[in-house]
Protein backbone atom coordinates (compact mmCIF):
# COMPACT_ATOMS: atom_id res chain seq x y z
CA MET A 1 16.30 11.00 5.89
CA ALA A 2 15.01 13.62 3.44
CA GLU A 3 17.91 12.84 1.14
CA ASN A 4 17.09 9.12 1.25
CA LEU A 5 13.47 9.91 0.33
CA THR A 6 14.63 12.03 -2.58
CA ILE A 7 16.87 9.21 -3.79
CA ALA A 8 14.20 6.54 -3.23
CA ARG A 9 11.28 8.37 -4.89
CA PRO A 10 12.10 7.62 -8.56
CA TYR A 11 12.78 3.96 -7.75
CA ALA A 12 9.52 3.67 -5.84
CA GLU A 13 7.63 5.32 -8.71
CA ALA A 14 9.24 2.98 -11.24
CA ALA A 15 8.41 -0.07 -9.11
CA PHE A 16 4.84 1.13 -8.64
CA GLU A 17 4.29 1.79 -12.35
CA GLN A 18 5.75 -1.61 -13.24
CA ALA A 19 3.58 -3.34 -10.63
CA LYS A 20 0.46 -1.47 -11.74
CA ALA A 21 1.10 -2.28 -15.40
CA ASN A 22 1.42 -5.99 -14.57
CA LYS A 23 -1.47 -5.92 -12.06
CA ALA A 24 0.96 -7.19 -9.42
CA LEU A 25 0.80 -4.56 -6.66
CA GLY A 26 0.53 -7.20 -3.93
CA ALA A 27 3.43 -9.26 -5.27
CA TRP A 28 5.63 -6.18 -5.54
CA LEU A 29 4.71 -5.08 -2.04
CA ASP A 30 5.62 -8.53 -0.68
CA ALA A 31 8.93 -8.44 -2.54
CA LEU A 32 9.79 -4.94 -1.34
CA GLU A 33 8.86 -5.84 2.25
CA ARG A 34 11.15 -8.88 2.15
CA LEU A 35 14.01 -7.05 0.45
CA ALA A 36 13.79 -4.06 2.82
CA ALA A 37 13.93 -6.41 5.81
CA VAL A 38 16.91 -8.28 4.36
CA VAL A 39 18.99 -5.20 3.56
CA SER A 40 18.29 -3.80 7.05
CA ASP A 41 20.05 -6.77 8.65
CA ALA A 42 23.50 -5.86 10.02
CA THR A 43 25.23 -8.87 8.44
CA VAL A 44 23.70 -8.18 5.04
CA LYS A 45 24.70 -4.51 5.31
CA GLU A 46 28.26 -5.61 6.01
CA VAL A 47 28.34 -7.94 3.00
CA THR A 48 26.61 -5.58 0.54
CA GLY A 49 28.79 -2.68 1.68
CA ASN A 50 32.02 -4.61 1.13
CA PRO A 51 33.96 -2.71 -1.57
CA LYS A 52 35.87 -5.87 -2.51
CA LEU A 53 32.70 -7.49 -3.88
CA SER A 54 31.60 -6.80 -7.43
CA ASP A 55 28.02 -5.80 -8.27
CA ASP A 56 27.43 -9.31 -9.63
CA GLN A 57 28.62 -10.87 -6.37
CA VAL A 58 26.38 -8.57 -4.28
CA TYR A 59 23.43 -9.30 -6.59
CA ASP A 60 24.05 -13.07 -6.42
CA PHE A 61 24.29 -12.86 -2.62
CA LEU A 62 20.98 -11.00 -2.38
CA MET A 63 19.27 -13.41 -4.76
CA GLY A 64 20.54 -16.28 -2.61
CA VAL A 65 19.15 -14.68 0.53
CA ALA A 66 15.89 -13.12 -0.69
CA GLY A 67 15.51 -13.92 -4.36
CA GLU A 68 13.19 -16.90 -4.08
CA GLY A 69 9.91 -16.15 -5.79
CA LEU A 70 10.96 -12.82 -7.31
CA SER A 71 9.71 -12.18 -10.82
CA ALA A 72 12.11 -11.27 -13.62
CA ASP A 73 11.08 -7.59 -13.29
CA GLN A 74 11.71 -7.66 -9.55
CA GLN A 75 15.11 -9.28 -10.07
CA ASN A 76 15.98 -6.60 -12.63
CA PHE A 77 14.89 -3.96 -10.13
CA VAL A 78 17.27 -5.40 -7.53
CA ARG A 79 20.06 -5.45 -10.11
CA VAL A 80 19.49 -1.75 -10.87
CA LEU A 81 19.58 -0.94 -7.14
CA VAL A 82 22.83 -2.87 -6.74
CA GLU A 83 24.46 -1.26 -9.79
CA ASN A 84 23.48 2.23 -8.64
CA ASP A 85 24.48 1.57 -5.01
CA ARG A 86 20.93 2.19 -3.76
CA LEU A 87 20.25 -0.88 -1.60
CA GLN A 88 20.36 1.25 1.54
CA VAL A 89 17.19 3.12 0.49
CA LEU A 90 15.07 -0.01 0.05
CA PRO A 91 13.11 0.70 3.28
CA GLU A 92 12.22 4.17 1.95
CA ILE A 93 11.35 2.70 -1.46
CA ARG A 94 8.99 0.29 0.30
CA ASP A 95 7.39 3.08 2.33
CA LEU A 96 6.86 5.27 -0.74
CA PHE A 97 5.50 2.29 -2.69
CA VAL A 98 2.99 1.58 0.10
CA ALA A 99 1.89 5.23 0.09
CA ARG A 100 1.35 5.16 -3.70
CA LYS A 101 -0.47 1.83 -3.47
CA HIS A 102 -2.79 3.18 -0.79
CA GLU A 103 -3.41 6.33 -2.80
CA HIS A 104 -4.17 4.26 -5.90
CA GLU A 105 -6.57 2.02 -3.98
CA GLY A 106 -8.20 4.89 -2.11
CA VAL A 107 -6.95 3.68 1.26
CA LEU A 108 -6.22 6.12 4.08
CA ASP A 109 -4.19 5.49 7.24
CA ALA A 110 -6.05 5.98 10.51
CA ASP A 111 -4.04 6.27 13.72
CA ILE A 112 -6.17 5.56 16.77
CA SER A 113 -4.80 6.31 20.22
CA SER A 114 -6.82 4.88 23.09
CA ALA A 115 -6.50 5.17 26.84
CA PHE A 116 -7.57 1.52 27.18
CA PRO A 117 -7.40 -1.60 24.99
CA ILE A 118 -10.10 -1.73 22.30
CA ASP A 119 -11.77 -5.11 21.77
CA ASP A 120 -12.13 -6.48 18.23
CA GLU A 121 -15.89 -5.89 18.02
CA THR A 122 -15.60 -2.25 19.09
CA LEU A 123 -12.67 -1.68 16.74
CA ALA A 124 -14.61 -3.18 13.81
CA LYS A 125 -17.58 -0.88 14.54
CA LEU A 126 -15.31 2.15 14.93
CA LYS A 127 -13.54 1.33 11.67
CA ALA A 128 -16.85 0.94 9.82
CA ASP A 129 -18.10 4.29 11.20
CA LEU A 130 -14.84 6.02 10.23
CA GLU A 131 -14.88 4.52 6.72
CA ALA A 132 -18.43 5.83 6.27
CA HIS A 133 -17.41 9.26 7.60
CA PHE A 134 -14.30 9.56 5.41
CA LYS A 135 -15.83 7.70 2.44
CA ALA A 136 -12.65 5.66 2.08
CA LYS A 137 -11.18 2.34 3.06
CA LEU A 138 -8.99 2.71 6.16
CA ASN A 139 -5.81 1.02 7.24
CA VAL A 140 -6.17 1.24 11.04
CA HIS A 141 -3.26 1.41 13.49
CA VAL A 142 -4.12 1.31 17.20
CA ARG A 143 -1.83 2.24 20.06
CA LEU A 144 -2.38 2.62 23.78
CA ASP A 145 -1.81 6.04 25.31
CA PRO A 146 -2.69 6.10 29.04
CA GLU A 147 -2.08 9.88 29.11
CA LEU A 148 -5.42 10.31 27.31
CA ILE A 149 -7.09 9.35 30.63
CA GLY A 150 -10.16 8.07 28.73
CA GLY A 151 -11.63 8.04 25.23
CA VAL A 152 -9.81 7.98 21.90
CA ARG A 153 -7.90 10.29 19.58
CA ILE A 154 -8.20 9.50 15.86
CA ALA A 155 -5.98 10.99 13.15
CA VAL A 156 -6.76 10.39 9.48
CA GLY A 157 -4.49 12.48 7.32
CA ASP A 158 -4.86 16.07 8.52
CA ASP A 159 -8.20 15.39 10.24
CA VAL A 160 -8.14 14.76 13.98
CA ILE A 161 -11.09 13.61 16.07
CA ASP A 162 -10.22 13.97 19.74
CA THR A 163 -12.80 12.53 22.15
CA SER A 164 -10.24 11.88 24.87
CA VAL A 165 -10.64 13.20 28.40
CA ARG A 166 -7.28 14.94 28.06
CA GLY A 167 -8.48 16.66 24.86
CA LYS A 168 -11.72 17.79 26.49
CA LEU A 169 -9.82 19.14 29.52
CA ALA A 170 -7.49 21.05 27.21
CA SER A 171 -10.50 22.53 25.37
CA MET A 172 -12.10 23.55 28.65
CA ALA A 173 -8.86 25.14 29.86
CA ALA A 174 -8.56 27.12 26.59
CA ALA A 175 -12.18 28.27 26.88
CA LEU A 176 -11.64 29.42 30.47
CA LYS A 177 -8.56 31.42 29.47
CA ASN A 178 -10.57 33.29 26.85
């Protein structure tokens, strides 16, 4: 995994810089999402990994499957990936691109774990409060974790806000031990 990230990083940076220069971050993200999904398919992996196919044949195959709507720069990017045998790192390229895009736009990821489902109104209020607290736009991901017993656990970068019952019990247990 670390090796794939190392390989993917310069491609992600190049894609990001190209997208930023053309004010097309959204279009590039859409293209990378689609391409990453396509190259993750088992049948596509089999075809693109076939040593009997030339780079042009692999490129033409990919353009036939996922090339609709790609700009000339995006098509050239795919060609470079094919020629350098880097299609397998497209998911990592996408992930690194998303991270750079969020950094550029001042967006942080917020992971919210809740013991119970959170309704839309409560989530919107929580998101607004967190955005005010962190002074940044947040990309919120919510997951259910019944082990929390009650409350929520919020992680934004290295900051963690734990208002869960499990977290409070753990704090009380640590205080009693001391």
